[in-house]
Amino acid sequence: MEKSLPSKELSKISTEIVIEDLRGIRDNHINELLKNDDSLLSYLEMHYNTIAISSLKKEFLKRDLTELKNSSLDLVHYASLIKEVKETGNLSSTEQHPLFQTEMKAIFHKYGFNVQ
């Protein structure tokens, strides 16, 4: 999904549009995890070497991920990425940016998951 702005429109791109687009990308990442239990468990296995969790922990994780999805973008956390997109007008390179994973990592750490 190549998303880029024409160079003559770079100066016109608003911060609000960039924030909205980045929030959409973040929310898509979260939606992938919330799609079904298998998606969440696959993510935990890949990133935290965890193959099973209790039903209760899973529900709390889902709740916290949903709360994150429903929250506004943390502008301090994403400041460098917002600046980069405004300068380049290119969103395509942001899809897999580590800042999205870092934000979700805080939730997983809350429940005792640590990178192996």
PDB file of N, CA and C in Angstrom:
ATOM      1  N   MET A   1       0.839  -1.161   0.000  1.00  0.00           N
ATOM      2  CA  MET A   1       0.000   0.000   0.000  1.00  0.00           C
ATOM      3  C   MET A   1       0.892   1.234   0.000  1.00  0.00           C
ATOM      4  N   GLU A   2       1.357   1.643  -1.145  1.00  0.00           N
ATOM      5  CA  GLU A   2       2.207   2.818  -1.313  1.00  0.00           C
ATOM      6  C   GLU A   2       1.371   4.064  -1.142  1.00  0.00           C
ATOM      7  N   LYS A   3       1.717   4.855  -0.145  1.00  0.00           N
ATOM      8  CA  LYS A   3       0.971   6.077   0.119  1.00  0.00           C
ATOM      9  C   LYS A   3       1.974   7.207   0.218  1.00  0.00           C
ATOM     10  N   SER A   4       1.950   8.098  -0.722  1.00  0.00           N
ATOM     11  CA  SER A   4       2.907   9.179  -0.744  1.00  0.00           C
ATOM     12  C   SER A   4       2.244  10.403  -1.343  1.00  0.00           C
ATOM     13  N   LEU A   5       2.720  11.550  -0.938  1.00  0.00           N
ATOM     14  CA  LEU A   5       2.145  12.801  -1.421  1.00  0.00           C
ATOM     15  C   LEU A   5       3.004  13.375  -2.533  1.00  0.00           C
ATOM     16  N   PRO A   6       2.402  14.006  -3.538  1.00  0.00           N
ATOM     17  CA  PRO A   6       3.182  14.654  -4.586  1.00  0.00           C
ATOM     18  C   PRO A   6       4.089  15.716  -3.972  1.00  0.00           C
ATOM     19  N   SER A   7       5.295  15.873  -4.530  1.00  0.00           N
ATOM     20  CA  SER A   7       6.277  16.771  -3.928  1.00  0.00           C
ATOM     21  C   SER A   7       5.792  18.208  -3.818  1.00  0.00           C
ATOM     22  N   LYS A   8       4.997  18.691  -4.771  1.00  0.00           N
ATOM     23  CA  LYS A   8       4.539  20.070  -4.676  1.00  0.00           C
ATOM     24  C   LYS A   8       3.512  20.263  -3.563  1.00  0.00           C
ATOM     25  N   GLU A   9       2.982  19.159  -3.005  1.00  0.00           N
ATOM     26  CA  GLU A   9       2.024  19.263  -1.910  1.00  0.00           C
ATOM     27  C   GLU A   9       2.664  19.050  -0.546  1.00  0.00           C
ATOM     28  N   LEU A  10       3.966  18.781  -0.513  1.00  0.00           N
ATOM     29  CA  LEU A  10       4.628  18.507   0.757  1.00  0.00           C
ATOM     30  C   LEU A  10       4.481  19.654   1.742  1.00  0.00           C
ATOM     31  N   SER A  11       4.599  20.856   1.267  1.00  0.00           N
ATOM     32  CA  SER A  11       4.518  21.988   2.177  1.00  0.00           C
ATOM     33  C   SER A  11       3.111  22.187   2.707  1.00  0.00           C
ATOM     34  N   LYS A  12       2.123  21.598   2.030  1.00  0.00           N
ATOM     35  CA  LYS A  12       0.732  21.765   2.427  1.00  0.00           C
ATOM     36  C   LYS A  12       0.236  20.679   3.369  1.00  0.00           C
ATOM     37  N   ILE A  13       1.002  19.612   3.539  1.00  0.00           N
ATOM     38  CA  ILE A  13       0.540  18.507   4.373  1.00  0.00           C
ATOM     39  C   ILE A  13       0.417  18.999   5.822  1.00  0.00           C
ATOM     40  N   SER A  14      -0.711  18.742   6.392  1.00  0.00           N
ATOM     41  CA  SER A  14      -0.928  19.213   7.753  1.00  0.00           C
ATOM     42  C   SER A  14      -0.538  18.144   8.761  1.00  0.00           C
ATOM     43  N   THR A  15      -0.163  18.616   9.908  1.00  0.00           N
ATOM     44  CA  THR A  15       0.201  17.716  10.995  1.00  0.00           C
ATOM     45  C   THR A  15      -0.991  16.842  11.367  1.00  0.00           C
ATOM     46  N   GLU A  16      -2.185  17.404  11.318  1.00  0.00           N
ATOM     47  CA  GLU A  16      -3.385  16.649  11.674  1.00  0.00           C
ATOM     48  C   GLU A  16      -3.589  15.452  10.750  1.00  0.00           C
ATOM     49  N   ILE A  17      -3.325  15.634   9.472  1.00  0.00           N
ATOM     50  CA  ILE A  17      -3.474  14.536   8.506  1.00  0.00           C
ATOM     51  C   ILE A  17      -2.449  13.452   8.789  1.00  0.00           C
ATOM     52  N   VAL A  18      -1.217  13.854   9.074  1.00  0.00           N
ATOM     53  CA  VAL A  18      -0.168  12.887   9.384  1.00  0.00           C
ATOM     54  C   VAL A  18      -0.547  12.098  10.638  1.00  0.00           C
ATOM     55  N   ILE A  19      -0.993  12.804  11.665  1.00  0.00           N
ATOM     56  CA  ILE A  19      -1.387  12.143  12.914  1.00  0.00           C
ATOM     57  C   ILE A  19      -2.530  11.165  12.661  1.00  0.00           C
ATOM     58  N   GLU A  20      -3.503  11.586  11.892  1.00  0.00           N
ATOM     59  CA  GLU A  20      -4.640  10.725  11.577  1.00  0.00           C
ATOM     60  C   GLU A  20      -4.192   9.468  10.826  1.00  0.00           C
ATOM     61  N   ASP A  21      -3.304   9.640   9.869  1.00  0.00           N
ATOM     62  CA  ASP A  21      -2.810   8.486   9.106  1.00  0.00           C
ATOM     63  C   ASP A  21      -1.990   7.540   9.978  1.00  0.00           C
ATOM     64  N   LEU A  22      -1.138   8.091  10.835  1.00  0.00           N
ATOM     65  CA  LEU A  22      -0.335   7.243  11.716  1.00  0.00           C
ATOM     66  C   LEU A  22      -1.209   6.514  12.733  1.00  0.00           C
ATOM     67  N   ARG A  23      -2.225   7.187  13.219  1.00  0.00           N
ATOM     68  CA  ARG A  23      -3.147   6.520  14.143  1.00  0.00           C
ATOM     69  C   ARG A  23      -3.849   5.371  13.434  1.00  0.00           C
ATOM     70  N   GLY A  24      -4.218   5.582  12.178  1.00  0.00           N
ATOM     71  CA  GLY A  24      -4.839   4.507  11.403  1.00  0.00           C
ATOM     72  C   GLY A  24      -3.926   3.307  11.261  1.00  0.00           C
ATOM     73  N   ILE A  25      -2.651   3.560  11.028  1.00  0.00           N
ATOM     74  CA  ILE A  25      -1.683   2.461  10.911  1.00  0.00           C
ATOM     75  C   ILE A  25      -1.561   1.728  12.246  1.00  0.00           C
ATOM     76  N   ARG A  26      -1.439   2.497  13.340  1.00  0.00           N
ATOM     77  CA  ARG A  26      -1.348   1.888  14.669  1.00  0.00           C
ATOM     78  C   ARG A  26      -2.589   1.050  14.958  1.00  0.00           C
ATOM     79  N   ASP A  27      -3.749   1.609  14.660  1.00  0.00           N
ATOM     80  CA  ASP A  27      -4.995   0.901  14.933  1.00  0.00           C
ATOM     81  C   ASP A  27      -5.112  -0.366  14.092  1.00  0.00           C
ATOM     82  N   ASN A  28      -4.596  -0.350  12.876  1.00  0.00           N
ATOM     83  CA  ASN A  28      -4.600  -1.559  12.042  1.00  0.00           C
ATOM     84  C   ASN A  28      -3.734  -2.654  12.665  1.00  0.00           C
ATOM     85  N   HIS A  29      -2.577  -2.262  13.209  1.00  0.00           N
ATOM     86  CA  HIS A  29      -1.720  -3.239  13.894  1.00  0.00           C
ATOM     87  C   HIS A  29      -2.465  -3.861  15.078  1.00  0.00           C
ATOM     88  N   ILE A  30      -3.145  -3.032  15.842  1.00  0.00           N
ATOM     89  CA  ILE A  30      -3.898  -3.525  17.003  1.00  0.00           C
ATOM     90  C   ILE A  30      -5.057  -4.401  16.550  1.00  0.00           C
ATOM     91  N   ASN A  31      -5.760  -3.976  15.497  1.00  0.00           N
ATOM     92  CA  ASN A  31      -6.879  -4.780  14.979  1.00  0.00           C
ATOM     93  C   ASN A  31      -6.425  -6.173  14.567  1.00  0.00           C
ATOM     94  N   GLU A  32      -5.223  -6.269  14.015  1.00  0.00           N
ATOM     95  CA  GLU A  32      -4.686  -7.576  13.635  1.00  0.00           C
ATOM     96  C   GLU A  32      -4.541  -8.479  14.854  1.00  0.00           C
ATOM     97  N   LEU A  33      -4.100  -7.914  15.966  1.00  0.00           N
ATOM     98  CA  LEU A  33      -3.950  -8.703  17.184  1.00  0.00           C
ATOM     99  C   LEU A  33      -5.297  -9.090  17.783  1.00  0.00           C
ATOM    100  N   LEU A  34      -6.271  -8.207  17.630  1.00  0.00           N
ATOM    101  CA  LEU A  34      -7.588  -8.445  18.224  1.00  0.00           C
ATOM    102  C   LEU A  34      -8.510  -9.269  17.326  1.00  0.00           C
ATOM    103  N   LYS A  35      -8.069  -9.530  16.101  1.00  0.00           N
ATOM    104  CA  LYS A  35      -8.898 -10.235  15.120  1.00  0.00           C
ATOM    105  C   LYS A  35      -9.427 -11.557  15.670  1.00  0.00           C
ATOM    106  N   ASN A  36      -8.543 -12.316  16.269  1.00  0.00           N
ATOM    107  CA  ASN A  36      -8.940 -13.579  16.910  1.00  0.00           C
ATOM    108  C   ASN A  36      -7.837 -14.015  17.870  1.00  0.00           C
ATOM    109  N   ASP A  37      -8.141 -14.983  18.692  1.00  0.00           N
ATOM    110  CA  ASP A  37      -7.170 -15.432  19.693  1.00  0.00           C
ATOM    111  C   ASP A  37      -5.893 -15.964  19.053  1.00  0.00           C
ATOM    112  N   ASP A  38      -6.024 -16.620  17.908  1.00  0.00           N
ATOM    113  CA  ASP A  38      -4.845 -17.168  17.230  1.00  0.00           C
ATOM    114  C   ASP A  38      -3.870 -16.071  16.826  1.00  0.00           C
ATOM    115  N   SER A  39      -4.390 -14.930  16.395  1.00  0.00           N
ATOM    116  CA  SER A  39      -3.521 -13.809  16.006  1.00  0.00           C
ATOM    117  C   SER A  39      -2.729 -13.307  17.205  1.00  0.00           C
ATOM    118  N   LEU A  40      -3.404 -13.144  18.315  1.00  0.00           N
ATOM    119  CA  LEU A  40      -2.741 -12.676  19.532  1.00  0.00           C
ATOM    120  C   LEU A  40      -1.710 -13.692  20.011  1.00  0.00           C
ATOM    121  N   LEU A  41      -2.075 -14.967  20.004  1.00  0.00           N
ATOM    122  CA  LEU A  41      -1.145 -16.001  20.454  1.00  0.00           C
ATOM    123  C   LEU A  41       0.045 -16.147  19.513  1.00  0.00           C
ATOM    124  N   SER A  42      -0.167 -15.975  18.228  1.00  0.00           N
ATOM    125  CA  SER A  42       0.944 -16.020  17.269  1.00  0.00           C
ATOM    126  C   SER A  42       1.925 -14.882  17.527  1.00  0.00           C
ATOM    127  N   TYR A  43       1.377 -13.707  17.798  1.00  0.00           N
ATOM    128  CA  TYR A  43       2.211 -12.548  18.111  1.00  0.00           C
ATOM    129  C   TYR A  43       3.027 -12.810  19.380  1.00  0.00           C
ATOM    130  N   LEU A  44       2.372 -13.337  20.399  1.00  0.00           N
ATOM    131  CA  LEU A  44       3.074 -13.627  21.650  1.00  0.00           C
ATOM    132  C   LEU A  44       4.152 -14.684  21.454  1.00  0.00           C
ATOM    133  N   GLU A  45       3.866 -15.654  20.636  1.00  0.00           N
ATOM    134  CA  GLU A  45       4.867 -16.698  20.374  1.00  0.00           C
ATOM    135  C   GLU A  45       6.060 -16.122  19.618  1.00  0.00           C
ATOM    136  N   MET A  46       5.783 -15.289  18.619  1.00  0.00           N
ATOM    137  CA  MET A  46       6.857 -14.737  17.788  1.00  0.00           C
ATOM    138  C   MET A  46       7.724 -13.746  18.566  1.00  0.00           C
ATOM    139  N   HIS A  47       7.105 -12.885  19.355  1.00  0.00           N
ATOM    140  CA  HIS A  47       7.850 -11.808  20.009  1.00  0.00           C
ATOM    141  C   HIS A  47       8.253 -12.099  21.454  1.00  0.00           C
ATOM    142  N   TYR A  48       7.532 -13.005  22.112  1.00  0.00           N
ATOM    143  CA  TYR A  48       7.775 -13.232  23.542  1.00  0.00           C
ATOM    144  C   TYR A  48       7.986 -14.700  23.894  1.00  0.00           C
ATOM    145  N   ASN A  49       8.112 -15.541  22.888  1.00  0.00           N
ATOM    146  CA  ASN A  49       8.367 -16.961  23.107  1.00  0.00           C
ATOM    147  C   ASN A  49       7.346 -17.570  24.079  1.00  0.00           C
ATOM    148  N   THR A  50       6.091 -17.165  23.905  1.00  0.00           N
ATOM    149  CA  THR A  50       5.000 -17.629  24.766  1.00  0.00           C
ATOM    150  C   THR A  50       3.970 -18.345  23.898  1.00  0.00           C
ATOM    151  N   ILE A  51       3.642 -19.584  24.252  1.00  0.00           N
ATOM    152  CA  ILE A  51       2.713 -20.327  23.405  1.00  0.00           C
ATOM    153  C   ILE A  51       1.313 -20.446  23.992  1.00  0.00           C
ATOM    154  N   ALA A  52       1.163 -20.138  25.284  1.00  0.00           N
ATOM    155  CA  ALA A  52      -0.161 -20.214  25.906  1.00  0.00           C
ATOM    156  C   ALA A  52      -0.238 -19.222  27.062  1.00  0.00           C
ATOM    157  N   ILE A  53      -1.441 -18.667  27.238  1.00  0.00           N
ATOM    158  CA  ILE A  53      -1.689 -17.786  28.382  1.00  0.00           C
ATOM    159  C   ILE A  53      -3.084 -18.103  28.923  1.00  0.00           C
ATOM    160  N   SER A  54      -3.330 -17.698  30.133  1.00  0.00           N
ATOM    161  CA  SER A  54      -4.637 -17.960  30.728  1.00  0.00           C
ATOM    162  C   SER A  54      -5.712 -17.130  30.030  1.00  0.00           C
ATOM    163  N   SER A  55      -6.926 -17.594  30.114  1.00  0.00           N
ATOM    164  CA  SER A  55      -8.056 -16.873  29.521  1.00  0.00           C
ATOM    165  C   SER A  55      -8.194 -15.482  30.134  1.00  0.00           C
ATOM    166  N   LEU A  56      -7.972 -15.394  31.421  1.00  0.00           N
ATOM    167  CA  LEU A  56      -8.092 -14.115  32.118  1.00  0.00           C
ATOM    168  C   LEU A  56      -7.045 -13.113  31.623  1.00  0.00           C
ATOM    169  N   LYS A  57      -5.796 -13.558  31.521  1.00  0.00           N
ATOM    170  CA  LYS A  57      -4.725 -12.681  31.035  1.00  0.00           C
ATOM    171  C   LYS A  57      -5.013 -12.249  29.596  1.00  0.00           C
ATOM    172  N   LYS A  58      -5.520 -13.175  28.797  1.00  0.00           N
ATOM    173  CA  LYS A  58      -5.858 -12.865  27.406  1.00  0.00           C
ATOM    174  C   LYS A  58      -6.930 -11.784  27.339  1.00  0.00           C
ATOM    175  N   GLU A  59      -7.936 -11.885  28.171  1.00  0.00           N
ATOM    176  CA  GLU A  59      -9.012 -10.886  28.166  1.00  0.00           C
ATOM    177  C   GLU A  59      -8.509  -9.517  28.630  1.00  0.00           C
ATOM    178  N   PHE A  60      -7.625  -9.499  29.622  1.00  0.00           N
ATOM    179  CA  PHE A  60      -7.054  -8.229  30.065  1.00  0.00           C
ATOM    180  C   PHE A  60      -6.168  -7.616  28.982  1.00  0.00           C
ATOM    181  N   LEU A  61      -5.399  -8.441  28.296  1.00  0.00           N
ATOM    182  CA  LEU A  61      -4.582  -7.950  27.183  1.00  0.00           C
ATOM    183  C   LEU A  61      -5.457  -7.335  26.095  1.00  0.00           C
ATOM    184  N   LYS A  62      -6.520  -8.037  25.747  1.00  0.00           N
ATOM    185  CA  LYS A  62      -7.435  -7.536  24.726  1.00  0.00           C
ATOM    186  C   LYS A  62      -8.061  -6.209  25.155  1.00  0.00           C
ATOM    187  N   ARG A  63      -8.428  -6.139  26.435  1.00  0.00           N
ATOM    188  CA  ARG A  63      -9.030  -4.902  26.946  1.00  0.00           C
ATOM    189  C   ARG A  63      -8.051  -3.733  26.830  1.00  0.00           C
ATOM    190  N   ASP A  64      -6.798  -3.969  27.242  1.00  0.00           N
ATOM    191  CA  ASP A  64      -5.805  -2.900  27.189  1.00  0.00           C
ATOM    192  C   ASP A  64      -5.458  -2.516  25.752  1.00  0.00           C
ATOM    193  N   LEU A  65      -5.404  -3.491  24.862  1.00  0.00           N
ATOM    194  CA  LEU A  65      -5.152  -3.180  23.453  1.00  0.00           C
ATOM    195  C   LEU A  65      -6.306  -2.370  22.855  1.00  0.00           C
ATOM    196  N   THR A  66      -7.520  -2.714  23.233  1.00  0.00           N
ATOM    197  CA  THR A  66      -8.690  -1.960  22.760  1.00  0.00           C
ATOM    198  C   THR A  66      -8.656  -0.534  23.289  1.00  0.00           C
ATOM    199  N   GLU A  67      -8.266  -0.367  24.550  1.00  0.00           N
ATOM    200  CA  GLU A  67      -8.143   0.977  25.118  1.00  0.00           C
ATOM    201  C   GLU A  67      -7.083   1.789  24.380  1.00  0.00           C
ATOM    202  N   LEU A  68      -5.968   1.152  24.043  1.00  0.00           N
ATOM    203  CA  LEU A  68      -4.922   1.836  23.284  1.00  0.00           C
ATOM    204  C   LEU A  68      -5.456   2.254  21.923  1.00  0.00           C
ATOM    205  N   LYS A  69      -6.170   1.351  21.282  1.00  0.00           N
ATOM    206  CA  LYS A  69      -6.739   1.649  19.962  1.00  0.00           C
ATOM    207  C   LYS A  69      -7.707   2.825  20.026  1.00  0.00           C
ATOM    208  N   ASN A  70      -8.452   2.925  21.098  1.00  0.00           N
ATOM    209  CA  ASN A  70      -9.438   3.989  21.237  1.00  0.00           C
ATOM    210  C   ASN A  70      -8.839   5.297  21.754  1.00  0.00           C
ATOM    211  N   SER A  71      -7.561   5.280  22.066  1.00  0.00           N
ATOM    212  CA  SER A  71      -6.918   6.487  22.578  1.00  0.00           C
ATOM    213  C   SER A  71      -6.307   7.286  21.427  1.00  0.00           C
ATOM    214  N   SER A  72      -6.023   8.546  21.726  1.00  0.00           N
ATOM    215  CA  SER A  72      -5.370   9.371  20.711  1.00  0.00           C
ATOM    216  C   SER A  72      -3.901   8.972  20.623  1.00  0.00           C
ATOM    217  N   LEU A  73      -3.275   9.354  19.546  1.00  0.00           N
ATOM    218  CA  LEU A  73      -1.872   9.040  19.323  1.00  0.00           C
ATOM    219  C   LEU A  73      -1.005   9.811  20.321  1.00  0.00           C
ATOM    220  N   ASP A  74      -0.033   9.156  20.899  1.00  0.00           N
ATOM    221  CA  ASP A  74       0.903   9.802  21.811  1.00  0.00           C
ATOM    222  C   ASP A  74       1.865  10.642  20.972  1.00  0.00           C
ATOM    223  N   LEU A  75       1.628  11.940  20.946  1.00  0.00           N
ATOM    224  CA  LEU A  75       2.386  12.830  20.055  1.00  0.00           C
ATOM    225  C   LEU A  75       3.862  12.915  20.421  1.00  0.00           C
ATOM    226  N   VAL A  76       4.185  12.791  21.692  1.00  0.00           N
ATOM    227  CA  VAL A  76       5.592  12.810  22.094  1.00  0.00           C
ATOM    228  C   VAL A  76       6.284  11.545  21.587  1.00  0.00           C
ATOM    229  N   HIS A  77       5.634  10.409  21.761  1.00  0.00           N
ATOM    230  CA  HIS A  77       6.198   9.126  21.326  1.00  0.00           C
ATOM    231  C   HIS A  77       6.430   9.107  19.813  1.00  0.00           C
ATOM    232  N   TYR A  78       5.498   9.663  19.061  1.00  0.00           N
ATOM    233  CA  TYR A  78       5.563   9.613  17.600  1.00  0.00           C
ATOM    234  C   TYR A  78       6.134  10.878  16.958  1.00  0.00           C
ATOM    235  N   ALA A  79       6.675  11.803  17.742  1.00  0.00           N
ATOM    236  CA  ALA A  79       7.136  13.096  17.210  1.00  0.00           C
ATOM    237  C   ALA A  79       8.136  12.940  16.064  1.00  0.00           C
ATOM    238  N   SER A  80       9.107  12.069  16.217  1.00  0.00           N
ATOM    239  CA  SER A  80      10.119  11.913  15.164  1.00  0.00           C
ATOM    240  C   SER A  80       9.513  11.354  13.880  1.00  0.00           C
ATOM    241  N   LEU A  81       8.565  10.449  14.021  1.00  0.00           N
ATOM    242  CA  LEU A  81       7.916   9.867  12.847  1.00  0.00           C
ATOM    243  C   LEU A  81       6.999  10.882  12.170  1.00  0.00           C
ATOM    244  N   ILE A  82       6.292  11.677  12.957  1.00  0.00           N
ATOM    245  CA  ILE A  82       5.444  12.731  12.392  1.00  0.00           C
ATOM    246  C   ILE A  82       6.304  13.695  11.590  1.00  0.00           C
ATOM    247  N   LYS A  83       7.432  14.084  12.157  1.00  0.00           N
ATOM    248  CA  LYS A  83       8.349  15.013  11.471  1.00  0.00           C
ATOM    249  C   LYS A  83       8.864  14.393  10.167  1.00  0.00           C
ATOM    250  N   GLU A  84       9.239  13.124  10.230  1.00  0.00           N
ATOM    251  CA  GLU A  84       9.754  12.430   9.048  1.00  0.00           C
ATOM    252  C   GLU A  84       8.715  12.386   7.922  1.00  0.00           C
ATOM    253  N   VAL A  85       7.483  12.051   8.270  1.00  0.00           N
ATOM    254  CA  VAL A  85       6.426  11.975   7.260  1.00  0.00           C
ATOM    255  C   VAL A  85       6.137  13.358   6.681  1.00  0.00           C
ATOM    256  N   LYS A  86       6.126  14.361   7.525  1.00  0.00           N
ATOM    257  CA  LYS A  86       5.883  15.723   7.034  1.00  0.00           C
ATOM    258  C   LYS A  86       6.992  16.164   6.075  1.00  0.00           C
ATOM    259  N   GLU A  87       8.232  15.770   6.356  1.00  0.00           N
ATOM    260  CA  GLU A  87       9.364  16.164   5.519  1.00  0.00           C
ATOM    261  C   GLU A  87       9.397  15.408   4.195  1.00  0.00           C
ATOM    262  N   THR A  88       9.058  14.114   4.254  1.00  0.00           N
ATOM    263  CA  THR A  88       9.158  13.289   3.049  1.00  0.00           C
ATOM    264  C   THR A  88       7.838  13.136   2.318  1.00  0.00           C
ATOM    265  N   GLY A  89       6.729  13.260   3.047  1.00  0.00           N
ATOM    266  CA  GLY A  89       5.418  13.041   2.450  1.00  0.00           C
ATOM    267  C   GLY A  89       5.153  11.583   2.144  1.00  0.00           C
ATOM    268  N   ASN A  90       5.942  10.694   2.745  1.00  0.00           N
ATOM    269  CA  ASN A  90       5.864   9.268   2.432  1.00  0.00           C
ATOM    270  C   ASN A  90       5.424   8.474   3.660  1.00  0.00           C
ATOM    271  N   LEU A  91       4.253   7.852   3.554  1.00  0.00           N
ATOM    272  CA  LEU A  91       3.751   7.007   4.642  1.00  0.00           C
ATOM    273  C   LEU A  91       4.105   5.532   4.456  1.00  0.00           C
ATOM    274  N   SER A  92       4.476   5.148   3.257  1.00  0.00           N
ATOM    275  CA  SER A  92       4.674   3.723   2.984  1.00  0.00           C
ATOM    276  C   SER A  92       5.785   3.114   3.831  1.00  0.00           C
ATOM    277  N   SER A  93       6.803   3.885   4.167  1.00  0.00           N
ATOM    278  CA  SER A  93       7.903   3.340   4.959  1.00  0.00           C
ATOM    279  C   SER A  93       7.568   3.267   6.442  1.00  0.00           C
ATOM    280  N   THR A  94       6.415   3.806   6.839  1.00  0.00           N
ATOM    281  CA  THR A  94       6.067   3.822   8.256  1.00  0.00           C
ATOM    282  C   THR A  94       5.283   2.598   8.706  1.00  0.00           C
ATOM    283  N   GLU A  95       4.746   1.826   7.784  1.00  0.00           N
ATOM    284  CA  GLU A  95       3.884   0.682   8.134  1.00  0.00           C
ATOM    285  C   GLU A  95       4.516  -0.229   9.185  1.00  0.00           C
ATOM    286  N   GLN A  96       5.795  -0.499   9.074  1.00  0.00           N
ATOM    287  CA  GLN A  96       6.469  -1.419  10.001  1.00  0.00           C
ATOM    288  C   GLN A  96       7.442  -0.690  10.919  1.00  0.00           C
ATOM    289  N   HIS A  97       7.212   0.587  11.129  1.00  0.00           N
ATOM    290  CA  HIS A  97       8.110   1.373  11.973  1.00  0.00           C
ATOM    291  C   HIS A  97       8.111   0.816  13.400  1.00  0.00           C
ATOM    292  N   PRO A  98       9.282   0.740  14.038  1.00  0.00           N
ATOM    293  CA  PRO A  98       9.371   0.165  15.388  1.00  0.00           C
ATOM    294  C   PRO A  98       8.597   0.922  16.466  1.00  0.00           C
ATOM    295  N   LEU A  99       8.270   2.179  16.240  1.00  0.00           N
ATOM    296  CA  LEU A  99       7.518   2.924  17.249  1.00  0.00           C
ATOM    297  C   LEU A  99       6.162   2.300  17.535  1.00  0.00           C
ATOM    298  N   PHE A 100       5.543   1.676  16.532  1.00  0.00           N
ATOM    299  CA  PHE A 100       4.248   1.026  16.758  1.00  0.00           C
ATOM    300  C   PHE A 100       4.406  -0.158  17.711  1.00  0.00           C
ATOM    301  N   GLN A 101       5.461  -0.949  17.497  1.00  0.00           N
ATOM    302  CA  GLN A 101       5.710  -2.100  18.364  1.00  0.00           C
ATOM    303  C   GLN A 101       6.101  -1.652  19.764  1.00  0.00           C
ATOM    304  N   THR A 102       6.873  -0.587  19.855  1.00  0.00           N
ATOM    305  CA  THR A 102       7.312  -0.081  21.154  1.00  0.00           C
ATOM    306  C   THR A 102       6.128   0.350  22.001  1.00  0.00           C
ATOM    307  N   GLU A 103       5.152   0.992  21.377  1.00  0.00           N
ATOM    308  CA  GLU A 103       3.979   1.438  22.122  1.00  0.00           C
ATOM    309  C   GLU A 103       3.195   0.243  22.670  1.00  0.00           C
ATOM    310  N   MET A 104       3.035  -0.790  21.873  1.00  0.00           N
ATOM    311  CA  MET A 104       2.305  -1.976  22.331  1.00  0.00           C
ATOM    312  C   MET A 104       3.117  -2.788  23.334  1.00  0.00           C
ATOM    313  N   LYS A 105       4.431  -2.706  23.212  1.00  0.00           N
ATOM    314  CA  LYS A 105       5.319  -3.463  24.100  1.00  0.00           C
ATOM    315  C   LYS A 105       5.053  -3.120  25.572  1.00  0.00           C
ATOM    316  N   ALA A 106       4.727  -1.867  25.849  1.00  0.00           N
ATOM    317  CA  ALA A 106       4.452  -1.454  27.231  1.00  0.00           C
ATOM    318  C   ALA A 106       3.284  -2.244  27.814  1.00  0.00           C
ATOM    319  N   ILE A 107       2.294  -2.515  26.999  1.00  0.00           N
ATOM    320  CA  ILE A 107       1.140  -3.298  27.462  1.00  0.00           C
ATOM    321  C   ILE A 107       1.560  -4.731  27.767  1.00  0.00           C
ATOM    322  N   PHE A 108       2.341  -5.315  26.882  1.00  0.00           N
ATOM    323  CA  PHE A 108       2.764  -6.699  27.091  1.00  0.00           C
ATOM    324  C   PHE A 108       3.685  -6.826  28.307  1.00  0.00           C
ATOM    325  N   HIS A 109       4.541  -5.844  28.519  1.00  0.00           N
ATOM    326  CA  HIS A 109       5.423  -5.857  29.693  1.00  0.00           C
ATOM    327  C   HIS A 109       4.611  -5.774  30.977  1.00  0.00           C
ATOM    328  N   LYS A 110       3.511  -5.047  30.942  1.00  0.00           N
ATOM    329  CA  LYS A 110       2.633  -4.917  32.115  1.00  0.00           C
ATOM    330  C   LYS A 110       2.170  -6.291  32.599  1.00  0.00           C
ATOM    331  N   TYR A 111       2.029  -7.232  31.676  1.00  0.00           N
ATOM    332  CA  TYR A 111       1.552  -8.573  32.016  1.00  0.00           C
ATOM    333  C   TYR A 111       2.685  -9.595  32.108  1.00  0.00           C
ATOM    334  N   GLY A 112       3.904  -9.095  32.214  1.00  0.00           N
ATOM    335  CA  GLY A 112       5.037  -9.975  32.456  1.00  0.00           C
ATOM    336  C   GLY A 112       5.690 -10.578  31.226  1.00  0.00           C
ATOM    337  N   PHE A 113       5.308 -10.106  30.043  1.00  0.00           N
ATOM    338  CA  PHE A 113       5.948 -10.613  28.829  1.00  0.00           C
ATOM    339  C   PHE A 113       7.187  -9.786  28.537  1.00  0.00           C
ATOM    340  N   ASN A 114       8.300 -10.464  28.347  1.00  0.00           N
ATOM    341  CA  ASN A 114       9.550  -9.786  28.033  1.00  0.00           C
ATOM    342  C   ASN A 114      10.154 -10.421  26.808  1.00  0.00           C
ATOM    343  N   VAL A 115      10.823  -9.610  26.017  1.00  0.00           N
ATOM    344  CA  VAL A 115      11.456 -10.094  24.794  1.00  0.00           C
ATOM    345  C   VAL A 115      12.508 -11.118  25.167  1.00  0.00           C
ATOM    346  N   GLN A 116      12.472 -12.244  24.482  1.00  0.00           N
ATOM    347  CA  GLN A 116      13.434 -13.319  24.731  1.00  0.00           C
ATOM    348  C   GLN A 116      14.655 -13.160  23.877  1.00  0.00           C
TER     349      GLN A 116
END
